[in-house]
Amino acid sequence: MAVLYEDRRLVLDDDALTIHDYYFPRGARRIMYRDLRGVDEYVMSVWTGKLLLWGTLDLMHWFHFDPNRPQKERAISLNLGGWVRPVITPDDPETVANLLRRKIAGASGKKTGD
């Protein structure tokens, strides 16, 4: 299984995204690309999770553990079709968002234009 992207908290391989330290106290969550319905990037602020190291502010967005989040600017919200949306803060958010969008398009059979 080829690793497409990896940092201390995330791994994207051929089949899925693995979020380390998603569950308390130290559990990982693996999300298959076929289960993703969408990816939303946004600039974080105090009100949208910038100072949150782990957990939720609004019961709708769940942030994995990332002690470096206050130094980061961008977050990625993952739409799985349910109430709670995992939010990740990769070291390279642009690369991760592009990879996820390509994987979602590939899983649905759409052409990405690459």
Protein backbone atom coordinates (compact mmCIF):
# COMPACT_ATOMS: atom_id res chain seq x y z
CA MET A 1 0.00 0.00 0.00
CA ALA A 2 1.60 3.22 -1.18
CA VAL A 3 1.69 6.24 1.13
CA LEU A 4 0.62 9.37 -0.75
CA TYR A 5 1.06 11.82 2.13
CA GLU A 6 2.24 11.55 5.73
CA ASP A 7 2.90 13.88 8.63
CA ARG A 8 2.91 13.30 12.41
CA ARG A 9 -0.89 13.18 12.63
CA LEU A 10 -2.15 11.97 9.23
CA VAL A 11 -1.49 9.30 6.63
CA LEU A 12 -3.11 9.15 3.20
CA ASP A 13 -2.54 5.87 1.40
CA ASP A 14 -4.09 4.32 -1.71
CA ASP A 15 -7.34 3.37 0.07
CA ALA A 16 -7.96 5.62 3.05
CA LEU A 17 -7.07 8.51 5.32
CA THR A 18 -5.81 7.58 8.80
CA ILE A 19 -6.13 10.25 11.47
CA HIS A 20 -3.85 9.55 14.43
CA ASP A 21 -5.01 10.65 17.90
CA TYR A 22 -8.60 11.07 16.77
CA TYR A 23 -10.17 9.23 19.70
CA PHE A 24 -9.37 9.76 23.38
CA PRO A 25 -6.87 8.87 24.72
CA ARG A 26 -4.82 7.82 21.67
CA GLY A 27 -6.98 6.01 19.09
CA ALA A 28 -6.69 6.38 15.33
CA ARG A 29 -9.57 6.65 12.87
CA ARG A 30 -9.37 5.28 9.36
CA ILE A 31 -11.73 6.79 6.77
CA MET A 32 -12.11 5.07 3.42
CA TYR A 33 -12.16 7.49 0.47
CA ARG A 34 -15.39 5.91 -0.81
CA ASP A 35 -17.10 7.13 2.41
CA LEU A 36 -16.16 10.78 1.83
CA ARG A 37 -18.87 12.97 0.32
CA GLY A 38 -16.92 16.21 0.31
CA VAL A 39 -13.96 18.21 1.56
CA ASP A 40 -14.12 21.84 2.70
CA GLU A 41 -11.02 23.94 3.36
CA TYR A 42 -11.19 27.04 5.51
CA VAL A 43 -9.03 29.56 7.34
CA MET A 44 -9.19 28.91 11.08
CA SER A 45 -9.95 31.54 13.67
CA VAL A 46 -10.45 31.46 17.43
CA TRP A 47 -14.15 30.76 16.72
CA THR A 48 -13.48 27.91 14.28
CA GLY A 49 -10.95 25.82 16.19
CA LYS A 50 -7.56 27.53 15.94
CA LEU A 51 -6.93 27.30 19.70
CA LEU A 52 -8.63 23.92 20.16
CA LEU A 53 -6.07 21.15 20.67
CA TRP A 54 -8.58 18.28 20.62
CA GLY A 55 -12.34 17.82 20.59
CA THR A 56 -15.20 20.08 19.54
CA LEU A 57 -16.51 23.60 19.94
CA ASP A 58 -19.97 23.09 18.44
CA LEU A 59 -20.76 19.33 18.66
CA MET A 60 -20.67 19.19 14.85
CA HIS A 61 -16.94 19.40 14.08
CA TRP A 62 -14.48 17.01 15.76
CA PHE A 63 -10.80 17.99 15.78
CA HIS A 64 -8.13 15.33 16.17
CA PHE A 65 -5.35 15.99 18.69
CA ASP A 66 -2.87 18.49 17.26
CA PRO A 67 -0.79 20.52 19.72
CA ASN A 68 0.55 22.58 16.78
CA ARG A 69 -2.91 23.73 15.63
CA PRO A 70 -2.58 27.27 17.12
CA GLN A 71 0.36 27.87 14.74
CA LYS A 72 -1.57 26.62 11.69
CA GLU A 73 -3.83 28.70 9.47
CA ARG A 74 -5.93 26.19 7.49
CA ALA A 75 -8.22 23.30 8.36
CA ILE A 76 -10.06 20.69 6.30
CA SER A 77 -13.56 19.54 7.22
CA LEU A 78 -14.57 16.07 5.99
CA ASN A 79 -18.19 15.43 5.01
CA LEU A 80 -19.11 11.82 5.73
CA GLY A 81 -22.85 12.39 5.39
CA GLY A 82 -23.54 12.41 9.12
CA TRP A 83 -23.94 15.00 11.83
CA VAL A 84 -20.31 15.06 13.00
CA ARG A 85 -17.61 16.14 10.58
CA PRO A 86 -14.00 15.26 11.31
CA VAL A 87 -11.68 18.27 10.96
CA ILE A 88 -8.01 17.75 10.16
CA THR A 89 -5.13 20.20 10.24
CA PRO A 90 -2.38 18.73 8.07
CA ASP A 91 1.06 20.27 7.83
CA ASP A 92 0.43 20.73 4.08
CA PRO A 93 -3.33 21.38 3.77
CA GLU A 94 -3.29 22.21 0.05
CA THR A 95 -1.67 18.89 -0.87
CA VAL A 96 -4.02 16.91 1.39
CA ALA A 97 -7.16 18.67 0.10
CA ASN A 98 -6.12 18.06 -3.51
CA LEU A 99 -5.37 14.38 -2.84
CA LEU A 100 -8.69 13.91 -1.06
CA ARG A 101 -10.64 15.58 -3.86
CA ARG A 102 -8.92 13.37 -6.44
CA LYS A 103 -9.68 10.26 -4.40
CA ILE A 104 -13.34 11.27 -3.96
CA ALA A 105 -13.68 11.89 -7.71
CA GLY A 106 -11.98 8.56 -8.45
CA ALA A 107 -14.24 6.70 -6.05
CA SER A 108 -17.33 8.15 -7.72
CA GLY A 109 -16.05 7.48 -11.23
CA LYS A 110 -15.72 11.16 -12.17
CA LYS A 111 -12.77 12.41 -14.19
CA THR A 112 -10.50 14.88 -12.39
CA GLY A 113 -8.91 16.50 -15.42
CA ASP A 114 -5.39 15.40 -14.39
